[in-house]
Amino acid sequence: MKLIPLPAFQDNYLWLLHDGQRALVVDPGDAGPVQAFLAAHGLQLEAILVTHHHMDHTGGVDALRDATGARVYGPARERIPEPLTRLAEGDAVEVLGLRFTVLDVPGHTAGHIAYHCEDVDGTPLVFCGDTLFSGGCGRLFEGTPAQMFDSLAKLAALPGDTRVCCTHEYTLGNLKFATAVEPGNARLNHYRQQCESRRSHGEPTLPSTIALEAQVNPFLRTRQPAVAQAAHAYHDATDPADPVAVFAALRQWKNEFR
């Protein structure tokens, strides 16, 4: 099974998974790169998985559905163009011989979902949209800090070797912020150097893993004393013993960070 991050727009990845004959694509905001890849490799698109309603994740859905007959799956509580199969936590999708279980992960949007597969060629993966990024997390456009905190905790509880297939190449910016929060984190500093090298060679930084994110991502490390104290220093009303308050302070800090 081949996992391909197809670049689109300025920094999106349209994740494509294929077995040499059949394919699925996740969050195709632009049909063009997907159609070009399918044609170049002689693939039939069987399924389109959508995590949330933003146009950079859904803009190519109609064209791909019409051109290929692919079945569309998406969140139960968001406006995604019909026809599609609507999904919520506990539901499952079977495609390409794989079983994806659905997780509700609101925060970035109110009805955001993720797709987790326990075994793709021996290791798990999760298509998490704009909820979890490498070194960061999505902005809270429709949800609350408590919702996003819980959603990230749900993803962080997945097995450590789970590949994190998020949908934006935001890693270097996220790691710059993470270093400001936790400058003494040796694993973070090493990972940042690795990612800078990859990007300098035109390579994607993704996928990451859950285990790696637990070591470097401040939004998953709100109970770490250094992270909690940094959030308190940014906003002195933040209770460093309250991980949701720490998360909220970090998210606001990241919104303003340059």
Protein backbone atom coordinates (compact mmCIF):
# COMPACT_ATOMS: atom_id res chain seq x y z
CA MET A 1 0.00 0.00 0.00
CA LYS A 2 1.47 3.37 -1.01
CA LEU A 3 0.80 6.54 1.04
CA ILE A 4 1.28 9.73 -0.98
CA PRO A 5 1.07 13.36 0.24
CA LEU A 6 -0.03 15.25 -2.89
CA PRO A 7 0.85 18.96 -2.59
CA ALA A 8 -1.91 21.47 -3.35
CA PHE A 9 -2.36 25.23 -3.01
CA GLN A 10 0.44 26.79 -0.93
CA ASP A 11 0.76 24.25 1.86
CA ASN A 12 -2.00 21.61 1.71
CA TYR A 13 -1.48 17.88 1.39
CA LEU A 14 -4.15 15.74 -0.23
CA TRP A 15 -3.39 12.29 1.17
CA LEU A 16 -3.75 9.48 -1.35
CA LEU A 17 -3.53 5.80 -0.45
CA HIS A 18 -3.39 3.13 -3.19
CA ASP A 19 -2.65 -0.54 -3.78
CA GLY A 20 -1.45 -0.17 -7.37
CA GLN A 21 -4.96 -0.42 -8.80
CA ARG A 22 -7.43 1.24 -6.47
CA ALA A 23 -7.11 4.44 -4.47
CA LEU A 24 -8.68 6.61 -1.83
CA VAL A 25 -8.04 10.30 -1.25
CA VAL A 26 -8.48 12.42 1.86
CA ASP A 27 -9.65 16.06 1.86
CA PRO A 28 -9.24 16.84 -1.85
CA GLY A 29 -9.55 20.60 -1.88
CA ASP A 30 -8.33 20.59 -5.49
CA ALA A 31 -9.28 17.84 -7.97
CA GLY A 32 -6.39 18.60 -10.35
CA PRO A 33 -3.44 16.98 -8.51
CA VAL A 34 -5.55 13.92 -7.71
CA GLN A 35 -6.73 13.45 -11.30
CA ALA A 36 -3.18 13.86 -12.60
CA PHE A 37 -1.83 11.25 -10.18
CA LEU A 38 -4.62 8.78 -10.92
CA ALA A 39 -4.04 9.10 -14.67
CA ALA A 40 -0.26 8.83 -14.40
CA HIS A 41 -0.46 5.63 -12.35
CA GLY A 42 -3.54 4.01 -13.88
CA LEU A 43 -5.53 4.08 -10.63
CA GLN A 44 -9.27 3.91 -10.00
CA LEU A 45 -10.50 6.21 -7.24
CA GLU A 46 -12.87 4.27 -4.99
CA ALA A 47 -13.41 6.58 -2.02
CA ILE A 48 -13.10 10.17 -0.85
CA LEU A 49 -12.73 10.75 2.89
CA VAL A 50 -13.54 14.25 4.17
CA THR A 51 -12.61 15.43 7.68
CA HIS A 52 -14.34 18.83 7.75
CA HIS A 53 -16.17 21.37 5.61
CA HIS A 54 -13.51 24.00 4.77
CA MET A 55 -13.14 24.57 1.03
CA ASP A 56 -9.44 23.76 0.90
CA HIS A 57 -10.52 20.26 1.97
CA THR A 58 -13.71 19.88 -0.09
CA GLY A 59 -13.30 22.01 -3.22
CA GLY A 60 -12.43 19.07 -5.48
CA VAL A 61 -14.98 16.59 -4.13
CA ASP A 62 -17.72 17.16 -6.70
CA ALA A 63 -15.37 16.97 -9.69
CA LEU A 64 -13.72 13.79 -8.45
CA ARG A 65 -17.05 12.14 -7.59
CA ASP A 66 -18.47 13.00 -11.00
CA ALA A 67 -15.37 11.85 -12.91
CA THR A 68 -14.73 8.59 -11.07
CA GLY A 69 -17.94 7.51 -9.31
CA ALA A 70 -16.01 7.40 -6.01
CA ARG A 71 -18.09 7.14 -2.87
CA VAL A 72 -17.81 10.14 -0.55
CA TYR A 73 -17.64 9.88 3.26
CA GLY A 74 -17.77 12.87 5.58
CA PRO A 75 -18.77 14.28 8.96
CA ALA A 76 -22.36 13.82 10.08
CA ARG A 77 -22.72 17.33 11.47
CA GLU A 78 -21.15 19.53 8.81
CA ARG A 79 -22.27 20.89 5.45
CA ILE A 80 -20.62 18.70 2.84
CA PRO A 81 -22.15 18.48 -0.67
CA GLU A 82 -24.45 15.48 -1.16
CA PRO A 83 -24.43 12.65 -1.96
CA LEU A 84 -22.21 11.31 0.81
CA THR A 85 -22.22 8.82 3.65
CA ARG A 86 -22.32 10.76 6.91
CA LEU A 87 -20.17 9.49 9.77
CA ALA A 88 -19.69 10.03 13.50
CA GLU A 89 -17.62 8.45 16.24
CA GLY A 90 -17.97 4.68 16.33
CA ASP A 91 -18.80 4.37 12.63
CA ALA A 92 -16.40 2.61 10.29
CA VAL A 93 -15.45 2.78 6.61
CA GLU A 94 -14.12 -0.24 4.71
CA VAL A 95 -12.20 0.58 1.54
CA LEU A 96 -9.17 -0.95 -0.24
CA GLY A 97 -9.47 -3.86 2.15
CA LEU A 98 -8.82 -1.53 5.11
CA ARG A 99 -11.08 -0.62 8.01
CA PHE A 100 -11.09 3.00 9.18
CA THR A 101 -12.81 3.84 12.44
CA VAL A 102 -14.17 7.36 12.88
CA LEU A 103 -13.27 9.67 15.76
CA ASP A 104 -15.13 12.87 16.61
CA VAL A 105 -12.47 15.56 17.05
CA PRO A 106 -14.26 18.95 17.25
CA GLY A 107 -12.45 22.20 17.90
CA HIS A 108 -11.13 23.48 14.58
CA THR A 109 -14.69 23.05 13.30
CA ALA A 110 -17.75 21.91 15.20
CA GLY A 111 -18.15 18.55 13.47
CA HIS A 112 -14.56 17.66 12.52
CA ILE A 113 -13.81 13.92 12.32
CA ALA A 114 -10.68 11.79 11.91
CA TYR A 115 -10.15 8.38 10.33
CA HIS A 116 -7.99 5.81 12.14
CA CYS A 117 -6.80 2.52 10.66
CA GLU A 118 -5.08 0.04 12.97
CA ASP A 119 -3.01 -1.65 10.29
CA VAL A 120 -1.74 -0.33 6.98
CA ASP A 121 1.19 -2.53 5.97
CA GLY A 122 1.96 -3.27 9.61
CA THR A 123 1.56 0.13 11.23
CA PRO A 124 -1.46 2.27 12.11
CA LEU A 125 -2.25 5.69 10.70
CA VAL A 126 -4.71 8.49 11.31
CA PHE A 127 -6.03 11.05 8.84
CA CYS A 128 -6.62 13.91 11.28
CA GLY A 129 -7.32 16.87 9.00
CA ASP A 130 -6.67 20.19 10.72
CA THR A 131 -7.00 18.98 14.32
CA LEU A 132 -3.45 17.82 15.04
CA PHE A 133 -0.45 19.16 13.14
CA SER A 134 3.18 18.21 13.58
CA GLY A 135 4.29 20.49 16.38
CA GLY A 136 0.92 22.23 16.57
CA CYS A 137 -2.86 22.09 16.26
CA GLY A 138 -5.59 23.82 14.29
CA ARG A 139 -7.08 27.19 15.11
CA LEU A 140 -10.35 27.20 17.01
CA PHE A 141 -12.75 28.55 14.40
CA GLU A 142 -15.89 26.90 15.76
CA GLY A 143 -14.99 25.00 18.92
CA THR A 144 -13.82 25.73 22.45
CA PRO A 145 -10.42 25.17 24.07
CA ALA A 146 -11.93 22.35 26.15
CA GLN A 147 -13.25 20.62 23.02
CA MET A 148 -9.93 20.86 21.22
CA PHE A 149 -8.04 19.73 24.32
CA ASP A 150 -10.24 16.64 24.51
CA SER A 151 -9.88 15.98 20.77
CA LEU A 152 -6.10 16.17 20.97
CA ALA A 153 -6.12 13.88 24.01
CA LYS A 154 -8.15 11.37 22.01
CA LEU A 155 -5.58 11.41 19.20
CA ALA A 156 -2.67 11.32 21.65
CA ALA A 157 -4.11 8.12 23.14
CA LEU A 158 -3.63 6.26 19.84
CA PRO A 159 -0.66 3.85 19.66
CA GLY A 160 2.67 5.65 19.54
CA ASP A 161 3.62 4.29 16.11
CA THR A 162 0.45 5.72 14.54
CA ARG A 163 1.40 7.80 11.51
CA VAL A 164 -0.05 11.32 11.78
CA CYS A 165 -1.32 12.34 8.34
CA CYS A 166 -2.34 15.95 8.80
CA THR A 167 -3.21 18.18 5.91
CA HIS A 168 -0.86 21.19 6.00
CA GLU A 169 2.89 21.68 5.78
CA TYR A 170 2.95 23.94 8.84
CA THR A 171 5.69 22.05 10.64
CA LEU A 172 8.53 24.57 10.56
CA GLY A 173 6.32 27.42 11.79
CA ASN A 174 4.87 25.19 14.48
CA LEU A 175 8.31 24.08 15.65
CA LYS A 176 9.51 27.68 15.81
CA PHE A 177 6.66 28.37 18.23
CA ALA A 178 7.25 25.13 20.13
CA THR A 179 10.89 26.13 20.64
CA ALA A 180 9.77 29.48 22.08
CA VAL A 181 7.56 27.59 24.53
CA GLU A 182 10.07 24.89 25.46
CA PRO A 183 13.60 25.94 24.40
CA GLY A 184 15.25 23.28 26.57
CA ASN A 185 13.54 20.35 24.84
CA ALA A 186 16.43 18.47 23.20
CA ARG A 187 14.15 16.15 21.21
CA LEU A 188 12.29 19.15 19.82
CA ASN A 189 15.50 20.90 18.80
CA HIS A 190 16.74 17.76 17.02
CA TYR A 191 13.42 17.27 15.23
CA ARG A 192 13.40 20.91 14.13
CA GLN A 193 16.83 20.45 12.54
CA GLN A 194 15.63 17.31 10.76
CA CYS A 195 12.56 19.09 9.39
CA GLU A 196 14.56 22.10 8.25
CA SER A 197 16.83 19.72 6.31
CA ARG A 198 13.86 17.95 4.71
CA ARG A 199 12.24 21.18 3.60
CA SER A 200 15.53 22.50 2.22
CA HIS A 201 15.54 19.44 -0.07
CA GLY A 202 11.88 19.91 -1.04
CA GLU A 203 10.75 16.92 1.01
CA PRO A 204 7.60 16.81 3.18
CA THR A 205 7.99 16.71 6.95
CA LEU A 206 4.96 14.41 7.18
CA PRO A 207 3.75 11.98 8.28
CA SER A 208 4.80 12.38 11.88
CA THR A 209 3.94 9.86 14.63
CA ILE A 210 1.93 10.09 17.82
CA ALA A 211 5.00 9.16 19.89
CA LEU A 212 7.03 11.94 18.31
CA GLU A 213 4.29 14.51 18.79
CA ALA A 214 4.09 13.59 22.48
CA GLN A 215 7.74 14.60 22.75
CA VAL A 216 7.73 17.83 20.73
CA ASN A 217 4.21 19.27 20.44
CA PRO A 218 3.41 21.80 23.18
CA PHE A 219 -0.34 21.32 22.69
CA LEU A 220 0.07 17.68 23.75
CA ARG A 221 2.42 18.63 26.60
CA THR A 222 0.25 20.96 28.67
CA ARG A 223 0.93 18.91 31.83
CA GLN A 224 4.69 19.30 31.46
CA PRO A 225 5.96 21.84 34.03
CA ALA A 226 8.08 23.76 31.51
CA VAL A 227 5.15 24.14 29.11
CA ALA A 228 2.71 25.11 31.87
CA GLN A 229 5.10 27.70 33.26
CA ALA A 230 5.70 29.16 29.78
CA ALA A 231 1.93 29.54 29.31
CA HIS A 232 1.68 31.21 32.71
CA ALA A 233 4.53 33.59 31.80
CA TYR A 234 2.69 34.51 28.59
CA HIS A 235 -0.61 35.11 30.43
CA ASP A 236 -0.18 35.35 34.19
CA ALA A 237 -3.86 34.62 34.87
CA THR A 238 -3.31 31.09 33.53
CA ASP A 239 -3.41 28.41 36.22
CA PRO A 240 -0.40 26.19 35.42
CA ALA A 241 -2.13 23.28 37.19
CA ASP A 242 -5.11 23.40 34.78
CA PRO A 243 -4.12 21.75 31.46
CA VAL A 244 -7.14 23.18 29.61
CA ALA A 245 -6.23 26.70 30.73
CA VAL A 246 -2.64 26.05 29.69
CA PHE A 247 -3.87 24.86 26.30
CA ALA A 248 -6.06 27.97 25.87
CA ALA A 249 -3.13 30.26 26.69
CA LEU A 250 -0.85 28.40 24.27
CA ARG A 251 -3.43 28.61 21.48
CA GLN A 252 -3.85 32.35 21.98
CA TRP A 253 -0.08 32.80 22.11
CA LYS A 254 0.31 30.84 18.88
CA ASN A 255 -2.38 33.00 17.22
CA GLU A 256 -0.26 36.07 17.95
CA PHE A 257 3.17 34.51 17.41
CA ARG A 258 5.39 35.73 14.61
